[in-house]
Amino acid sequence: MIELLLAVVAGALIGLSLGALGGGGSILAVPVLLALGQTPAQATTGSLVVVGVTSLAGAVAARRAGSVLLARGIAFGAVAIGGAVAGARLSSAVPEPVLLAAFSAMMLVVAGLMTVRQLRSRRRSRDHAAPVERPQLDDPIITFSPTFMCQCPRALKVLVTATVVGLLTGFLGVGGGFLVVPALFLALALPMRHAAGTSLVVITITSAAALAARAGAGVVPDWRLVAALTITAVAGSVLGARLAARTDTTRLSAAFTGLVLTVAAYVAVQALPALV
């Protein structure tokens, strides 16, 4: 009963983070499930459910708000499926301490990227300069009619970035929104507003693919905990979106960065003794 209550509270915090900051909260699902007694394999599998369902709910909301380019999100997600399946299978073949160490390292990278983003945001505020969005490119990367045309450098960029996103999702059980958004921005030249919304479509697809790849591995998480995390995360994301409209998100982002660093240290402490 206590574990279930903790899962409800943690899910609400994850959802609040996702709604208020536009991403990053799902990275806490794995450490939360670990703290609630799940093994690394169970935690990364259960996290895919939390990430996938929460992203789907967010994608629906973003679609209604007009910030999702559905066709491009589906195309990018379809390319990423191969990486997601490979990552899911690879995760079952590596020792659990290695999985924990890789997850801790990724959390440190996320915290570093968030810190850089905060510094840039503060610099823009001091300079009173509005962020510049790249124009959306409507021309397709590959066409077959009336003649074959291929923007091969862009196609290669999409292939590489989508595969990396899929590998990250499948291997570590996270959505990878911190990677998907810049990937869509750089590889597909989407404006940031549409990149953030479209990334939810990509994360939903890759999470579903990774979860399907793990289905036959015999790893069964505690579905009560997963359900509690998922339901409260979805509800919390709605509240977080409203909170973002009334609160200074710079402070929220700084607090979240500190939380990610703390959790990364906790996971590292668990993993390092087994590695050495």
Protein backbone atom coordinates (compact mmCIF):
# COMPACT_ATOMS: atom_id res chain seq x y z
CA MET A 1 0.00 0.00 0.00
CA ILE A 2 2.84 2.39 0.87
CA GLU A 3 4.61 1.56 -2.41
CA LEU A 4 1.42 2.29 -4.34
CA LEU A 5 1.03 5.65 -2.57
CA LEU A 6 4.65 6.55 -3.36
CA ALA A 7 4.04 5.61 -7.02
CA VAL A 8 1.03 7.96 -7.13
CA VAL A 9 3.05 10.85 -5.67
CA ALA A 10 6.04 10.17 -7.96
CA GLY A 11 3.78 9.91 -11.01
CA ALA A 12 2.24 13.28 -10.22
CA LEU A 13 5.71 14.85 -9.97
CA ILE A 14 6.77 13.26 -13.28
CA GLY A 15 3.64 14.56 -14.98
CA LEU A 16 4.07 18.03 -13.51
CA SER A 17 7.61 18.12 -14.84
CA LEU A 18 6.54 17.00 -18.30
CA GLY A 19 3.68 19.49 -18.46
CA ALA A 20 5.58 22.44 -17.01
CA LEU A 21 8.93 21.94 -18.74
CA GLY A 22 7.87 20.23 -21.96
CA GLY A 23 9.95 17.10 -21.35
CA GLY A 24 12.50 15.41 -19.19
CA GLY A 25 10.14 14.08 -16.53
CA SER A 26 9.95 10.59 -17.98
CA ILE A 27 13.62 10.11 -17.18
CA LEU A 28 12.60 9.82 -13.53
CA ALA A 29 10.29 6.85 -14.13
CA VAL A 30 13.14 4.31 -14.10
CA PRO A 31 14.74 5.53 -10.82
CA VAL A 32 11.30 5.71 -9.19
CA LEU A 33 10.52 2.11 -10.13
CA LEU A 34 13.98 1.06 -8.93
CA ALA A 35 13.37 2.76 -5.59
CA LEU A 36 10.04 0.91 -5.35
CA GLY A 37 11.81 -2.45 -5.52
CA GLN A 38 11.79 -3.24 -9.24
CA THR A 39 14.86 -4.73 -10.93
CA PRO A 40 16.57 -2.65 -13.65
CA ALA A 41 14.96 -4.84 -16.33
CA GLN A 42 11.51 -4.45 -14.76
CA ALA A 43 12.01 -0.71 -14.26
CA THR A 44 13.07 -0.01 -17.85
CA THR A 45 10.18 -2.12 -19.17
CA GLY A 46 7.59 -0.46 -16.94
CA SER A 47 8.99 2.95 -17.79
CA LEU A 48 8.19 2.39 -21.45
CA VAL A 49 4.51 2.11 -20.54
CA VAL A 50 4.63 5.32 -18.48
CA VAL A 51 6.52 7.16 -21.21
CA GLY A 52 4.40 5.87 -24.08
CA VAL A 53 0.98 6.55 -22.55
CA THR A 54 1.97 9.96 -21.18
CA SER A 55 3.45 10.96 -24.54
CA LEU A 56 0.32 9.80 -26.35
CA ALA A 57 -1.86 11.94 -24.09
CA GLY A 58 0.47 14.88 -24.61
CA ALA A 59 0.49 14.34 -28.38
CA VAL A 60 -3.31 14.47 -28.49
CA ALA A 61 -3.31 17.74 -26.56
CA ALA A 62 -0.53 19.18 -28.73
CA ARG A 63 -2.39 18.11 -31.87
CA ARG A 64 -5.45 20.03 -30.74
CA ALA A 65 -3.23 23.04 -30.09
CA GLY A 66 -1.89 22.84 -33.66
CA SER A 67 1.74 22.15 -32.70
CA VAL A 68 2.04 18.63 -34.16
CA LEU A 69 3.09 17.78 -37.70
CA LEU A 70 1.63 14.29 -37.66
CA ALA A 71 2.99 12.94 -40.97
CA ARG A 72 6.55 13.96 -40.16
CA GLY A 73 6.31 12.58 -36.65
CA ILE A 74 5.06 9.23 -37.92
CA ALA A 75 7.77 9.10 -40.59
CA PHE A 76 10.55 9.89 -38.11
CA GLY A 77 9.11 7.42 -35.59
CA ALA A 78 8.87 4.68 -38.24
CA VAL A 79 12.56 5.11 -39.06
CA ALA A 80 13.38 4.95 -35.33
CA ILE A 81 11.57 1.63 -34.81
CA GLY A 82 14.57 -0.40 -35.94
CA GLY A 83 16.78 1.27 -33.34
CA ALA A 84 14.11 0.82 -30.65
CA VAL A 85 13.84 -2.92 -31.29
CA ALA A 86 17.63 -3.32 -31.35
CA GLY A 87 18.00 -1.33 -28.14
CA ALA A 88 15.31 -3.38 -26.37
CA ARG A 89 17.01 -6.65 -27.29
CA LEU A 90 20.42 -5.32 -26.34
CA SER A 91 19.18 -4.29 -22.90
CA SER A 92 18.28 -7.89 -22.07
CA ALA A 93 21.77 -9.05 -23.04
CA VAL A 94 23.83 -6.71 -20.82
CA PRO A 95 24.40 -7.09 -17.05
CA GLU A 96 22.09 -5.02 -14.87
CA PRO A 97 24.95 -2.97 -13.32
CA VAL A 98 25.98 -1.90 -16.84
CA LEU A 99 22.39 -0.89 -17.57
CA LEU A 100 22.27 1.18 -14.38
CA ALA A 101 25.63 2.82 -15.11
CA ALA A 102 24.53 3.73 -18.64
CA PHE A 103 21.31 5.19 -17.28
CA SER A 104 23.19 7.25 -14.70
CA ALA A 105 25.55 8.58 -17.39
CA MET A 106 22.60 9.53 -19.56
CA MET A 107 21.01 11.43 -16.68
CA LEU A 108 24.21 13.42 -16.23
CA VAL A 109 24.14 14.28 -19.95
CA VAL A 110 20.50 15.39 -19.63
CA ALA A 111 21.33 17.59 -16.64
CA GLY A 112 24.23 19.12 -18.59
CA LEU A 113 22.06 19.85 -21.62
CA MET A 114 19.37 21.40 -19.43
CA THR A 115 21.97 23.59 -17.72
CA VAL A 116 23.24 24.82 -21.10
CA ARG A 117 19.68 25.57 -22.19
CA GLN A 118 19.04 27.55 -19.00
CA LEU A 119 22.20 29.60 -19.49
CA ARG A 120 21.24 30.38 -23.08
CA SER A 121 17.75 31.35 -21.99
CA ARG A 122 19.13 33.74 -19.37
CA ARG A 123 21.50 35.23 -21.93
CA ARG A 124 18.65 35.87 -24.34
CA SER A 125 16.67 37.48 -21.51
CA ARG A 126 19.56 39.81 -20.70
CA ASP A 127 19.97 40.71 -24.35
CA HIS A 128 16.19 41.19 -24.72
CA ALA A 129 16.37 39.07 -27.84
CA ALA A 130 13.54 36.80 -28.84
CA PRO A 131 14.49 33.23 -29.77
CA VAL A 132 14.79 32.75 -33.48
CA GLU A 133 12.92 29.82 -35.02
CA ARG A 134 14.14 28.17 -38.14
CA PRO A 135 11.65 28.24 -40.97
CA GLN A 136 9.71 25.08 -41.60
CA LEU A 137 10.77 23.39 -44.83
CA ASP A 138 7.86 22.00 -46.80
CA ASP A 139 9.93 20.37 -49.52
CA PRO A 140 10.14 16.56 -49.13
CA ILE A 141 13.44 14.79 -48.55
CA ILE A 142 12.69 12.05 -51.08
CA THR A 143 10.22 12.08 -53.99
CA PHE A 144 9.49 9.44 -56.64
CA SER A 145 7.09 11.36 -58.87
CA PRO A 146 7.29 12.87 -61.43
CA THR A 147 11.02 12.12 -61.15
CA PHE A 148 13.15 10.64 -58.42
CA MET A 149 14.76 13.25 -56.18
CA CYS A 150 16.73 12.74 -52.99
CA GLN A 151 18.17 15.24 -50.57
CA CYS A 152 20.60 12.56 -49.46
CA PRO A 153 22.53 14.52 -46.78
CA ARG A 154 19.25 15.34 -45.00
CA ALA A 155 18.02 11.77 -45.48
CA LEU A 156 21.20 10.42 -43.90
CA LYS A 157 20.85 12.86 -41.01
CA VAL A 158 17.28 11.70 -40.39
CA LEU A 159 18.32 8.04 -40.54
CA VAL A 160 21.17 8.47 -38.06
CA THR A 161 19.33 10.66 -35.56
CA ALA A 162 16.16 8.54 -35.66
CA THR A 163 18.16 5.35 -35.10
CA VAL A 164 19.98 6.88 -32.13
CA VAL A 165 16.67 8.02 -30.64
CA GLY A 166 15.25 4.52 -31.07
CA LEU A 167 18.28 2.87 -29.49
CA LEU A 168 18.05 5.19 -26.49
CA THR A 169 14.36 4.47 -26.01
CA GLY A 170 14.71 0.71 -26.38
CA PHE A 171 17.86 0.27 -24.31
CA LEU A 172 17.16 2.56 -21.36
CA GLY A 173 13.37 2.68 -21.36
CA VAL A 174 13.14 6.46 -21.65
CA GLY A 175 11.39 8.70 -24.12
CA GLY A 176 14.48 10.66 -25.02
CA GLY A 177 12.57 13.89 -25.57
CA PHE A 178 15.72 15.85 -24.79
CA LEU A 179 17.21 14.23 -27.89
CA VAL A 180 14.12 14.00 -30.10
CA VAL A 181 13.34 17.72 -30.01
CA PRO A 182 16.78 18.89 -31.23
CA ALA A 183 16.84 15.99 -33.71
CA LEU A 184 13.58 17.16 -35.29
CA PHE A 185 14.81 20.75 -35.19
CA LEU A 186 18.08 19.91 -36.94
CA ALA A 187 17.20 16.94 -39.16
CA LEU A 188 13.73 18.01 -40.33
CA ALA A 189 14.16 21.77 -39.84
CA LEU A 190 10.97 22.05 -37.78
CA PRO A 191 10.29 25.21 -35.78
CA MET A 192 10.85 24.60 -32.07
CA ARG A 193 7.13 24.82 -31.24
CA HIS A 194 6.33 22.06 -33.73
CA ALA A 195 9.45 20.05 -32.83
CA ALA A 196 8.33 19.83 -29.20
CA GLY A 197 4.80 18.75 -30.13
CA THR A 198 5.86 16.36 -32.89
CA SER A 199 8.45 14.73 -30.60
CA LEU A 200 5.57 13.30 -28.55
CA VAL A 201 4.38 11.37 -31.60
CA VAL A 202 7.89 9.98 -32.13
CA ILE A 203 8.24 8.98 -28.47
CA THR A 204 4.87 7.22 -28.51
CA ILE A 205 5.88 5.15 -31.54
CA THR A 206 9.36 4.23 -30.30
CA SER A 207 8.11 3.37 -26.81
CA ALA A 208 5.46 1.06 -28.27
CA ALA A 209 8.02 -0.62 -30.54
CA ALA A 210 10.51 -1.13 -27.69
CA LEU A 211 7.79 -2.50 -25.41
CA ALA A 212 6.67 -4.96 -28.10
CA ALA A 213 10.28 -6.11 -28.56
CA ARG A 214 10.53 -6.81 -24.83
CA ALA A 215 7.23 -8.69 -24.70
CA GLY A 216 8.83 -12.11 -25.16
CA ALA A 217 11.73 -11.53 -22.78
CA GLY A 218 9.82 -12.73 -19.71
CA VAL A 219 10.31 -9.49 -17.77
CA VAL A 220 7.12 -8.62 -15.88
CA PRO A 221 7.07 -5.39 -13.84
CA ASP A 222 4.61 -4.71 -11.03
CA TRP A 223 1.71 -3.50 -13.15
CA ARG A 224 -0.01 -1.86 -10.17
CA LEU A 225 2.94 0.47 -9.69
CA VAL A 226 3.22 1.10 -13.44
CA ALA A 227 -0.50 1.90 -13.69
CA ALA A 228 -0.34 4.27 -10.70
CA LEU A 229 2.67 6.07 -12.20
CA THR A 230 1.04 6.29 -15.62
CA ILE A 231 -2.37 7.57 -14.54
CA THR A 232 -0.99 10.22 -12.20
CA ALA A 233 1.68 11.25 -14.72
CA VAL A 234 -0.99 11.91 -17.34
CA ALA A 235 -3.08 13.92 -14.87
CA GLY A 236 0.00 15.75 -13.60
CA SER A 237 1.04 16.74 -17.12
CA VAL A 238 -2.26 18.59 -17.56
CA LEU A 239 -1.73 20.46 -14.29
CA GLY A 240 1.88 21.12 -15.21
CA ALA A 241 0.88 22.75 -18.48
CA ARG A 242 -1.38 25.12 -16.56
CA LEU A 243 1.34 25.75 -13.98
CA ALA A 244 3.79 26.70 -16.72
CA ALA A 245 1.48 29.53 -17.80
CA ARG A 246 1.57 31.07 -14.32
CA THR A 247 5.05 30.26 -13.03
CA ASP A 248 8.60 31.22 -13.92
CA THR A 249 9.70 28.05 -15.73
CA THR A 250 13.37 29.08 -15.35
CA ARG A 251 13.19 28.30 -11.63
CA LEU A 252 11.27 25.10 -12.28
CA SER A 253 13.87 23.99 -14.81
CA ALA A 254 16.73 24.75 -12.42
CA ALA A 255 15.05 22.75 -9.65
CA PHE A 256 14.47 19.85 -12.02
CA THR A 257 18.11 19.89 -13.12
CA GLY A 258 19.17 19.60 -9.48
CA LEU A 259 16.75 16.71 -9.01
CA VAL A 260 18.12 14.89 -12.06
CA LEU A 261 21.69 15.27 -10.77
CA THR A 262 20.66 13.91 -7.37
CA VAL A 263 18.91 10.90 -8.89
CA ALA A 264 21.87 10.28 -11.23
CA ALA A 265 24.17 10.14 -8.19
CA TYR A 266 21.78 7.73 -6.46
CA VAL A 267 21.70 5.39 -9.48
CA ALA A 268 25.49 5.60 -9.85
CA VAL A 269 26.00 4.62 -6.20
CA GLN A 270 23.90 1.53 -6.86
CA ALA A 271 25.72 0.60 -10.06
CA LEU A 272 29.39 1.34 -9.38
CA PRO A 273 30.04 -1.20 -6.59
CA ALA A 274 28.86 -4.03 -8.84
CA LEU A 275 30.97 -2.74 -11.75
CA VAL A 276 34.21 -2.55 -9.77
